[in-house]
Amino acid sequence: MKHIKSILIPLLGLVAIAAPAGDFSSKIFYGKDYGNIQAEIIQYYPKRRIVIANDDPAKRIHTFVLDPAGKELIKTGDFPMPMHPSSLAVFPGKPYVITVGFKDGGKGMLVVNGLGINNFGQQMYQLPVGDHPDSIAISPDGRFAVIACESEEHGDMRPSIDFIDLRELKAGTGGPKLLKRIDGVMLSNELGVPEKVIEPEFAAISPDSRMAAVSCQENNAVILFDTTGTYPKYQETVKLPVYSEPDGITLAGTNGNYLLGIAEEGGKINGNKKHRGGNAFSIYQVGFRKKARLLCRRDLRKTLPGIKPTKRIDPENVGFITINGKQQFFVLMERLDAVAFYDVTDLTNPRLLGLGKCGARPEGYCIAQLGNRVKLITGDEDEDGGTGAITVIDMK
């Protein structure tokens, strides 16, 4: 395959800084030091340096202030939720955080809370959404949100992909409204599998707000939507190898020329826990006038030093970032408690730069710019009875 140069655009507001080779320095803030909190999906409100994390078991979201050097994380409050919060996103340029979750029984709900000085913690709007929502993404232009409602394969619940109209919330004239629901019947027709086994898992939106993507984990697929108009239109289904089980995804690029990054968490091959697919990341070139094209796929068990070929890596999430004019790609690895960073100047041949240590089971992330420093912040949920952590990785 010929070399493909990166088509990424620099993240808005990022400055040129150098990334060292080898391990990336990190600081782990443990949940036990903040009242035994959990942290899974994490977001950042830059105007007030507020870090927000969901806590499913406690039915709360927690807020912190990150000091200007990124060395201290100060807890500032809790927002009680009327459901188990499963995902959240900060509204671009506005003092709101939108949280989705499920009530006991699985019915989905969306809640808008304030992050400003005068409305901090205030619950402003509620909206019913699809069953058992697992992920929300908000378009950078503030027009809409997309929610992956996985239903968890319960017989009395239905999977869906919900698009939410946020234009009135952006204008300050009203709350969120359901724009369009892609229900289980439509998804079944597209994926060619029964509705009850469809599992929308993770949602992502391109930087120019013109394309949305949703991974369907149990179905080894990512569905793309054209979001240039008022209503989303189906674009393409990217089919992945069997047992890939995609989890976190990301979109980068602009003007109809995008990169789709995928964390392929992997599943048991024929039910054998010692033989698993996935445990890889992949990068595709996608767009409106072209079919998805695979640029690279890397099995992390074969490319990370010192890893046994049977070791579970469980890639959970991925992202792109521009550092010192060079494009990087990072992978959150749940079973290694670490993030792997790659130089993707040549998209067909990612080059490992180093690892950053995290707390147990990193799941979600956000990026914070503090002066001339860029921090990658991860939410580490620790499903094995611990209290989780929040990790700040120095990208300088």
Protein backbone atom coordinates (compact mmCIF):
# COMPACT_ATOMS: atom_id res chain seq x y z
CA MET A 1 0.00 0.00 0.00
CA LYS A 2 1.36 3.41 -0.89
CA HIS A 3 2.12 5.93 1.85
CA ILE A 4 -0.82 8.14 2.79
CA LYS A 5 0.03 11.44 4.41
CA SER A 6 -2.16 12.64 7.25
CA ILE A 7 -5.25 14.65 6.31
CA LEU A 8 -5.92 15.81 9.86
CA ILE A 9 -6.45 19.44 10.70
CA PRO A 10 -4.86 20.86 13.88
CA LEU A 11 -7.22 20.95 16.85
CA LEU A 12 -8.62 24.41 17.41
CA GLY A 13 -6.47 26.44 19.78
CA LEU A 14 -3.62 23.95 20.08
CA VAL A 15 -0.12 25.38 19.97
CA ALA A 16 3.10 23.81 18.75
CA ILE A 17 4.76 21.75 21.48
CA ALA A 18 7.23 18.91 21.42
CA ALA A 19 6.39 15.30 22.30
CA PRO A 20 9.23 13.26 23.79
CA ALA A 21 9.99 9.71 22.71
CA GLY A 22 9.51 6.96 25.27
CA ASP A 23 7.07 6.97 28.17
CA PHE A 24 4.74 9.93 28.68
CA SER A 25 4.62 11.35 32.21
CA SER A 26 1.29 11.13 34.02
CA LYS A 27 -0.30 11.85 37.37
CA ILE A 28 -3.06 9.62 38.72
CA PHE A 29 -5.75 11.02 41.02
CA TYR A 30 -7.39 8.09 42.82
CA GLY A 31 -11.12 8.03 43.51
CA LYS A 32 -10.58 6.87 47.09
CA ASP A 33 -9.09 10.30 47.85
CA TYR A 34 -12.29 12.03 46.73
CA GLY A 35 -14.87 10.01 48.67
CA ASN A 36 -14.62 6.74 46.75
CA ILE A 37 -15.90 8.15 43.47
CA GLN A 38 -16.06 6.35 40.14
CA ALA A 39 -15.00 7.98 36.87
CA GLU A 40 -15.66 6.59 33.41
CA ILE A 41 -16.60 9.14 30.75
CA ILE A 42 -14.83 12.44 31.25
CA GLN A 43 -15.19 15.92 29.74
CA TYR A 44 -13.57 19.34 30.05
CA TYR A 45 -15.13 22.83 30.12
CA PRO A 46 -12.16 25.07 29.22
CA LYS A 47 -13.60 28.45 30.20
CA ARG A 48 -13.54 27.49 33.89
CA ARG A 49 -11.05 24.57 33.71
CA ILE A 50 -13.78 22.22 34.95
CA VAL A 51 -13.35 18.45 34.59
CA ILE A 52 -16.62 16.47 34.67
CA ALA A 53 -16.95 12.70 35.20
CA ASN A 54 -19.95 10.39 35.41
CA ASP A 55 -20.50 8.01 38.32
CA ASP A 56 -23.01 5.34 37.33
CA PRO A 57 -23.32 3.49 40.69
CA ALA A 58 -23.80 6.73 42.66
CA LYS A 59 -26.25 8.29 40.15
CA ARG A 60 -24.11 11.43 40.11
CA ILE A 61 -21.69 13.37 38.01
CA HIS A 62 -18.64 14.83 39.72
CA THR A 63 -16.94 18.14 38.96
CA PHE A 64 -13.34 19.18 39.55
CA VAL A 65 -11.13 22.17 38.80
CA LEU A 66 -7.79 21.47 37.15
CA ASP A 67 -5.08 23.87 38.31
CA PRO A 68 -3.23 25.87 35.59
CA ALA A 69 -0.23 23.55 35.71
CA GLY A 70 -2.34 20.40 35.53
CA LYS A 71 -0.81 19.07 38.74
CA GLU A 72 -3.81 19.32 41.08
CA LEU A 73 -7.41 18.21 40.68
CA ILE A 74 -9.72 19.92 43.16
CA LYS A 75 -13.20 18.50 43.69
CA THR A 76 -15.86 21.21 43.48
CA GLY A 77 -19.19 19.44 43.58
CA ASP A 78 -21.63 16.68 42.66
CA PHE A 79 -24.73 16.86 40.48
CA PRO A 80 -27.36 14.28 41.50
CA MET A 81 -28.91 12.53 38.50
CA PRO A 82 -32.43 11.06 38.14
CA MET A 83 -30.89 8.02 36.41
CA HIS A 84 -27.64 6.03 36.14
CA PRO A 85 -25.41 8.36 34.07
CA SER A 86 -23.64 6.39 31.34
CA SER A 87 -22.15 9.17 29.19
CA LEU A 88 -21.86 12.94 29.02
CA ALA A 89 -20.63 15.74 26.76
CA VAL A 90 -19.92 19.45 27.22
CA PHE A 91 -21.84 21.76 24.92
CA PRO A 92 -19.26 23.54 22.69
CA GLY A 93 -18.85 27.16 23.74
CA LYS A 94 -21.78 27.08 26.17
CA PRO A 95 -21.92 26.52 29.96
CA TYR A 96 -23.85 23.24 29.74
CA VAL A 97 -23.11 19.56 30.20
CA ILE A 98 -25.52 17.05 28.66
CA THR A 99 -25.72 13.67 30.36
CA VAL A 100 -27.50 10.53 29.18
CA GLY A 101 -28.31 7.49 31.25
CA PHE A 102 -30.96 4.96 32.15
CA LYS A 103 -33.48 4.58 34.92
CA ASP A 104 -33.86 1.33 36.84
CA GLY A 105 -35.44 -0.84 34.16
CA GLY A 106 -33.39 0.61 31.32
CA LYS A 107 -35.50 3.48 29.97
CA GLY A 108 -33.24 6.27 28.71
CA MET A 109 -33.10 9.91 29.75
CA LEU A 110 -31.15 13.03 28.78
CA VAL A 111 -30.45 15.78 31.33
CA VAL A 112 -28.93 19.25 30.80
CA ASN A 113 -27.03 20.85 33.71
CA GLY A 114 -25.41 24.27 33.93
CA LEU A 115 -21.67 24.86 34.26
CA GLY A 116 -21.69 28.67 34.47
CA ILE A 117 -21.20 30.84 37.53
CA ASN A 118 -24.93 31.58 37.81
CA ASN A 119 -26.30 28.16 36.82
CA PHE A 120 -23.65 25.76 38.12
CA GLY A 121 -25.25 22.39 38.81
CA GLN A 122 -28.73 23.59 37.96
CA GLN A 123 -30.82 20.97 36.17
CA MET A 124 -32.30 22.84 33.24
CA TYR A 125 -33.96 20.29 30.94
CA GLN A 126 -34.90 16.62 30.73
CA LEU A 127 -35.78 14.56 27.65
CA PRO A 128 -36.70 10.86 27.27
CA VAL A 129 -34.36 9.06 24.84
CA GLY A 130 -33.88 5.49 23.59
CA ASP A 131 -33.38 2.44 25.79
CA HIS A 132 -30.15 2.11 27.77
CA PRO A 133 -28.12 4.93 26.14
CA ASP A 134 -24.40 4.25 26.26
CA SER A 135 -22.75 7.19 24.49
CA ILE A 136 -23.47 10.79 23.46
CA ALA A 137 -21.56 13.14 21.15
CA ILE A 138 -22.40 16.80 20.46
CA SER A 139 -21.65 18.42 17.11
CA PRO A 140 -18.95 21.11 17.34
CA ASP A 141 -21.35 23.64 15.77
CA GLY A 142 -23.95 22.92 18.48
CA ARG A 143 -26.73 21.90 16.07
CA PHE A 144 -27.33 18.35 17.22
CA ALA A 145 -26.28 15.41 19.35
CA VAL A 146 -26.18 11.71 18.50
CA ILE A 147 -26.85 9.02 21.12
CA ALA A 148 -26.02 5.31 20.84
CA CYS A 149 -28.76 3.40 22.68
CA GLU A 150 -27.57 -0.16 23.00
CA SER A 151 -30.56 -1.73 24.85
CA GLU A 152 -28.10 -4.29 26.35
CA GLU A 153 -29.90 -7.06 24.41
CA HIS A 154 -32.81 -7.06 26.87
CA GLY A 155 -35.92 -8.53 25.28
CA ASP A 156 -38.19 -5.71 26.47
CA MET A 157 -35.91 -2.93 25.20
CA ARG A 158 -35.07 -1.83 21.67
CA PRO A 159 -31.78 -0.54 20.24
CA SER A 160 -31.74 2.82 18.48
CA ILE A 161 -29.57 5.69 17.32
CA ASP A 162 -31.15 8.98 18.44
CA PHE A 163 -30.39 12.35 16.86
CA ILE A 164 -31.24 15.28 19.15
CA ASP A 165 -31.98 18.84 17.97
CA LEU A 166 -29.96 21.32 20.07
CA ARG A 167 -30.57 24.51 18.09
CA GLU A 168 -32.94 26.04 20.64
CA LEU A 169 -30.59 25.16 23.50
CA LYS A 170 -27.76 26.84 21.61
CA ALA A 171 -29.87 29.96 21.02
CA GLY A 172 -31.09 30.04 24.62
CA THR A 173 -34.73 29.80 23.58
CA GLY A 174 -35.57 26.25 24.65
CA GLY A 175 -34.39 22.76 25.38
CA PRO A 176 -33.32 19.70 23.38
CA LYS A 177 -35.83 17.83 21.20
CA LEU A 178 -35.81 14.49 19.41
CA LEU A 179 -34.86 15.12 15.78
CA LYS A 180 -34.82 11.58 14.37
CA ARG A 181 -34.67 8.04 15.73
CA ILE A 182 -33.03 5.26 13.73
CA ASP A 183 -34.89 2.36 15.35
CA GLY A 184 -34.06 -1.31 15.64
CA VAL A 185 -36.04 -2.28 12.55
CA MET A 186 -34.04 0.12 10.35
CA LEU A 187 -30.79 -1.03 11.94
CA SER A 188 -31.75 -4.68 11.46
CA ASN A 189 -32.42 -4.09 7.77
CA GLU A 190 -29.05 -2.39 7.33
CA LEU A 191 -26.93 -4.78 9.39
CA GLY A 192 -28.71 -7.95 8.31
CA VAL A 193 -29.10 -9.34 11.85
CA PRO A 194 -32.06 -9.64 14.24
CA GLU A 195 -32.98 -6.51 16.14
CA LYS A 196 -32.43 -8.13 19.53
CA VAL A 197 -28.67 -8.61 18.90
CA ILE A 198 -27.97 -5.08 17.62
CA GLU A 199 -25.79 -3.03 19.98
CA PRO A 200 -25.10 0.64 19.15
CA GLU A 201 -22.12 1.33 21.42
CA PHE A 202 -20.31 4.62 20.80
CA ALA A 203 -21.01 7.89 18.95
CA ALA A 204 -18.63 10.35 17.28
CA ILE A 205 -18.99 13.48 15.11
CA SER A 206 -16.49 15.05 12.70
CA PRO A 207 -14.84 18.39 13.57
CA ASP A 208 -16.89 20.18 10.88
CA SER A 209 -20.16 18.61 12.12
CA ARG A 210 -20.95 17.14 8.68
CA MET A 211 -20.51 13.44 9.46
CA ALA A 212 -21.54 11.27 12.41
CA ALA A 213 -20.53 7.70 13.20
CA VAL A 214 -21.86 5.04 15.58
CA SER A 215 -20.11 1.76 16.37
CA CYS A 216 -22.23 -1.38 16.72
CA GLN A 217 -20.06 -3.56 18.92
CA GLU A 218 -21.69 -6.97 18.73
CA ASN A 219 -22.25 -6.51 15.00
CA ASN A 220 -18.63 -5.70 14.00
CA ALA A 221 -19.68 -2.54 12.19
CA VAL A 222 -19.57 1.25 12.21
CA ILE A 223 -22.47 3.17 10.64
CA LEU A 224 -21.79 6.55 9.02
CA PHE A 225 -24.35 9.36 8.58
CA ASP A 226 -24.33 12.50 6.45
CA THR A 227 -25.29 15.34 8.82
CA THR A 228 -24.85 18.32 6.48
CA GLY A 229 -28.61 18.98 6.38
CA THR A 230 -31.26 19.37 9.06
CA TYR A 231 -31.95 15.63 9.20
CA PRO A 232 -29.27 12.91 9.16
CA LYS A 233 -29.02 10.64 6.12
CA TYR A 234 -27.51 7.17 6.03
CA GLN A 235 -24.11 7.21 4.33
CA GLU A 236 -22.35 3.85 4.66
CA THR A 237 -21.74 0.86 6.91
CA VAL A 238 -18.10 0.00 7.51
CA LYS A 239 -17.90 -3.76 8.04
CA LEU A 240 -15.06 -4.98 10.26
CA PRO A 241 -13.54 -8.45 10.63
CA VAL A 242 -15.58 -10.91 12.69
CA TYR A 243 -14.84 -10.77 16.45
CA SER A 244 -13.51 -7.18 16.14
CA GLU A 245 -16.24 -5.80 18.41
CA PRO A 246 -15.58 -2.05 17.94
CA ASP A 247 -15.94 0.16 21.00
CA GLY A 248 -14.71 3.77 21.02
CA ILE A 249 -14.41 5.58 17.68
CA THR A 250 -13.31 9.01 16.49
CA LEU A 251 -13.62 11.14 13.36
CA ALA A 252 -11.02 13.65 12.18
CA GLY A 253 -10.64 15.80 9.08
CA THR A 254 -12.97 18.19 7.26
CA ASN A 255 -14.75 19.03 3.99
CA GLY A 256 -15.89 15.49 3.21
CA ASN A 257 -12.43 13.97 3.67
CA TYR A 258 -12.25 12.18 7.01
CA LEU A 259 -10.36 9.63 9.05
CA LEU A 260 -12.28 7.10 11.11
CA GLY A 261 -10.31 5.68 14.03
CA ILE A 262 -11.64 2.55 15.73
CA ALA A 263 -10.80 0.75 18.99
CA GLU A 264 -11.43 -2.93 18.20
CA GLU A 265 -11.94 -4.32 21.70
CA GLY A 266 -12.32 -7.90 20.51
CA GLY A 267 -14.48 -10.87 21.43
CA LYS A 268 -14.05 -14.57 22.15
CA ILE A 269 -13.49 -16.66 19.04
CA ASN A 270 -16.05 -19.47 19.11
CA GLY A 271 -16.53 -18.84 22.83
CA ASN A 272 -12.90 -19.61 23.71
CA LYS A 273 -11.67 -16.95 26.14
CA LYS A 274 -8.03 -17.77 25.31
CA HIS A 275 -8.53 -16.92 21.66
CA ARG A 276 -9.90 -13.46 20.97
CA GLY A 277 -10.29 -11.33 17.90
CA GLY A 278 -9.80 -7.58 17.79
CA ASN A 279 -7.41 -6.26 20.44
CA ALA A 280 -6.42 -3.87 17.68
CA PHE A 281 -6.93 -0.38 16.36
CA SER A 282 -7.74 0.54 12.79
CA ILE A 283 -7.85 3.73 10.72
CA TYR A 284 -10.08 4.15 7.68
CA GLN A 285 -10.36 6.93 5.11
CA VAL A 286 -14.04 7.83 4.69
CA GLY A 287 -16.06 10.51 2.91
CA PHE A 288 -19.25 11.36 1.06
CA ARG A 289 -18.16 10.36 -2.44
CA LYS A 290 -16.00 7.35 -1.68
CA LYS A 291 -16.26 3.98 -0.02
CA ALA A 292 -14.42 3.49 3.25
CA ARG A 293 -10.81 2.49 2.68
CA LEU A 294 -8.70 0.70 5.27
CA LEU A 295 -5.38 2.48 5.80
CA CYS A 296 -4.03 0.37 8.66
CA ARG A 297 -4.98 -2.16 11.30
CA ARG A 298 -2.60 -2.99 14.16
CA ASP A 299 -3.00 -5.94 16.51
CA LEU A 300 -1.65 -4.49 19.76
CA ARG A 301 -0.66 -7.96 21.02
CA LYS A 302 1.79 -8.23 18.14
CA THR A 303 3.13 -4.68 18.04
CA LEU A 304 3.58 -3.64 21.69
CA PRO A 305 6.87 -4.83 23.22
CA GLY A 306 6.75 -7.54 25.87
CA ILE A 307 3.11 -8.54 25.32
CA LYS A 308 2.10 -12.20 25.07
CA PRO A 309 0.03 -13.04 21.98
CA THR A 310 -2.82 -14.28 24.20
CA LYS A 311 -2.87 -11.20 26.45
CA ARG A 312 -6.14 -9.26 26.54
CA ILE A 313 -5.50 -5.61 25.67
CA ASP A 314 -9.15 -4.50 25.27
CA PRO A 315 -8.70 -1.19 23.42
CA GLU A 316 -11.54 1.00 24.73
CA ASN A 317 -11.14 4.35 23.01
CA VAL A 318 -9.04 6.20 20.45
CA GLY A 319 -8.30 9.75 19.34
CA PHE A 320 -6.24 12.02 17.12
CA ILE A 321 -4.22 15.03 18.24
CA THR A 322 -1.77 17.45 16.60
CA ILE A 323 1.47 18.02 18.53
CA ASN A 324 4.18 20.31 17.19
CA GLY A 325 2.69 20.08 13.70
CA LYS A 326 2.75 16.27 13.70
CA GLN A 327 -0.34 14.07 13.80
CA GLN A 328 -0.61 11.56 16.63
CA PHE A 329 -3.07 8.79 17.35
CA PHE A 330 -3.64 7.39 20.82
CA VAL A 331 -5.30 4.24 22.14
CA LEU A 332 -6.73 3.72 25.64
CA MET A 333 -6.01 0.11 26.66
CA GLU A 334 -8.31 -1.15 29.40
CA ARG A 335 -6.38 -4.29 30.37
CA LEU A 336 -2.96 -2.62 30.35
CA ASP A 337 -3.99 0.47 32.35
CA ALA A 338 -2.17 2.61 29.82
CA VAL A 339 -2.44 4.79 26.71
CA ALA A 340 -0.31 4.06 23.62
CA PHE A 341 0.74 7.03 21.46
CA TYR A 342 1.59 6.72 17.76
CA ASP A 343 3.04 9.03 15.13
CA VAL A 344 0.64 8.78 12.16
CA THR A 345 2.39 11.12 9.75
CA ASP A 346 2.26 8.06 7.47
CA LEU A 347 -1.23 6.74 8.07
CA THR A 348 -0.37 3.34 6.64
CA ASN A 349 2.51 2.83 9.05
CA PRO A 350 1.85 4.12 12.60
CA ARG A 351 5.03 4.45 14.68
CA LEU A 352 4.88 3.85 18.44
CA LEU A 353 6.07 6.89 20.41
CA GLY A 354 5.56 5.61 23.92
CA LEU A 355 3.06 4.79 26.68
CA GLY A 356 1.35 6.79 29.38
CA LYS A 357 0.38 5.04 32.63
CA CYS A 358 -3.27 5.32 33.79
CA GLY A 359 -5.38 4.20 36.69
CA ALA A 360 -7.22 0.88 36.38
CA ARG A 361 -9.38 0.35 33.29
CA PRO A 362 -9.21 3.62 31.28
CA GLU A 363 -12.49 4.18 29.45
CA GLY A 364 -13.06 7.80 28.37
CA TYR A 365 -10.87 10.82 27.73
CA CYS A 366 -10.83 14.54 27.08
CA ILE A 367 -8.12 16.99 26.01
CA ALA A 368 -7.26 20.14 27.94
CA GLN A 369 -4.97 22.96 26.89
CA LEU A 370 -3.30 24.79 29.76
CA GLY A 371 -1.18 27.62 28.41
CA ASN A 372 1.36 26.02 26.10
CA ARG A 373 0.77 22.55 27.52
CA VAL A 374 -1.67 19.93 26.30
CA LYS A 375 -3.05 17.35 28.73
CA LEU A 376 -4.81 14.10 27.94
CA ILE A 377 -7.21 13.31 30.78
CA THR A 378 -8.61 9.79 31.16
CA GLY A 379 -11.47 8.39 33.22
CA ASP A 380 -10.41 5.07 34.73
CA GLU A 381 -13.43 3.12 35.97
CA ASP A 382 -11.79 0.08 37.66
CA GLU A 383 -14.59 -2.48 37.39
CA ASP A 384 -12.90 -4.91 39.78
CA GLY A 385 -14.17 -3.46 43.03
CA GLY A 386 -11.92 -0.40 43.17
CA THR A 387 -12.99 3.22 43.11
CA GLY A 388 -11.39 4.22 39.84
CA ALA A 389 -9.21 7.23 39.07
CA ILE A 390 -8.67 10.25 36.86
CA THR A 391 -5.30 10.43 35.09
CA VAL A 392 -3.66 13.54 33.63
CA ILE A 393 -1.01 12.76 30.99
CA ASP A 394 1.45 15.47 29.97
CA MET A 395 1.63 15.82 26.17
CA LYS A 396 4.35 18.46 26.14
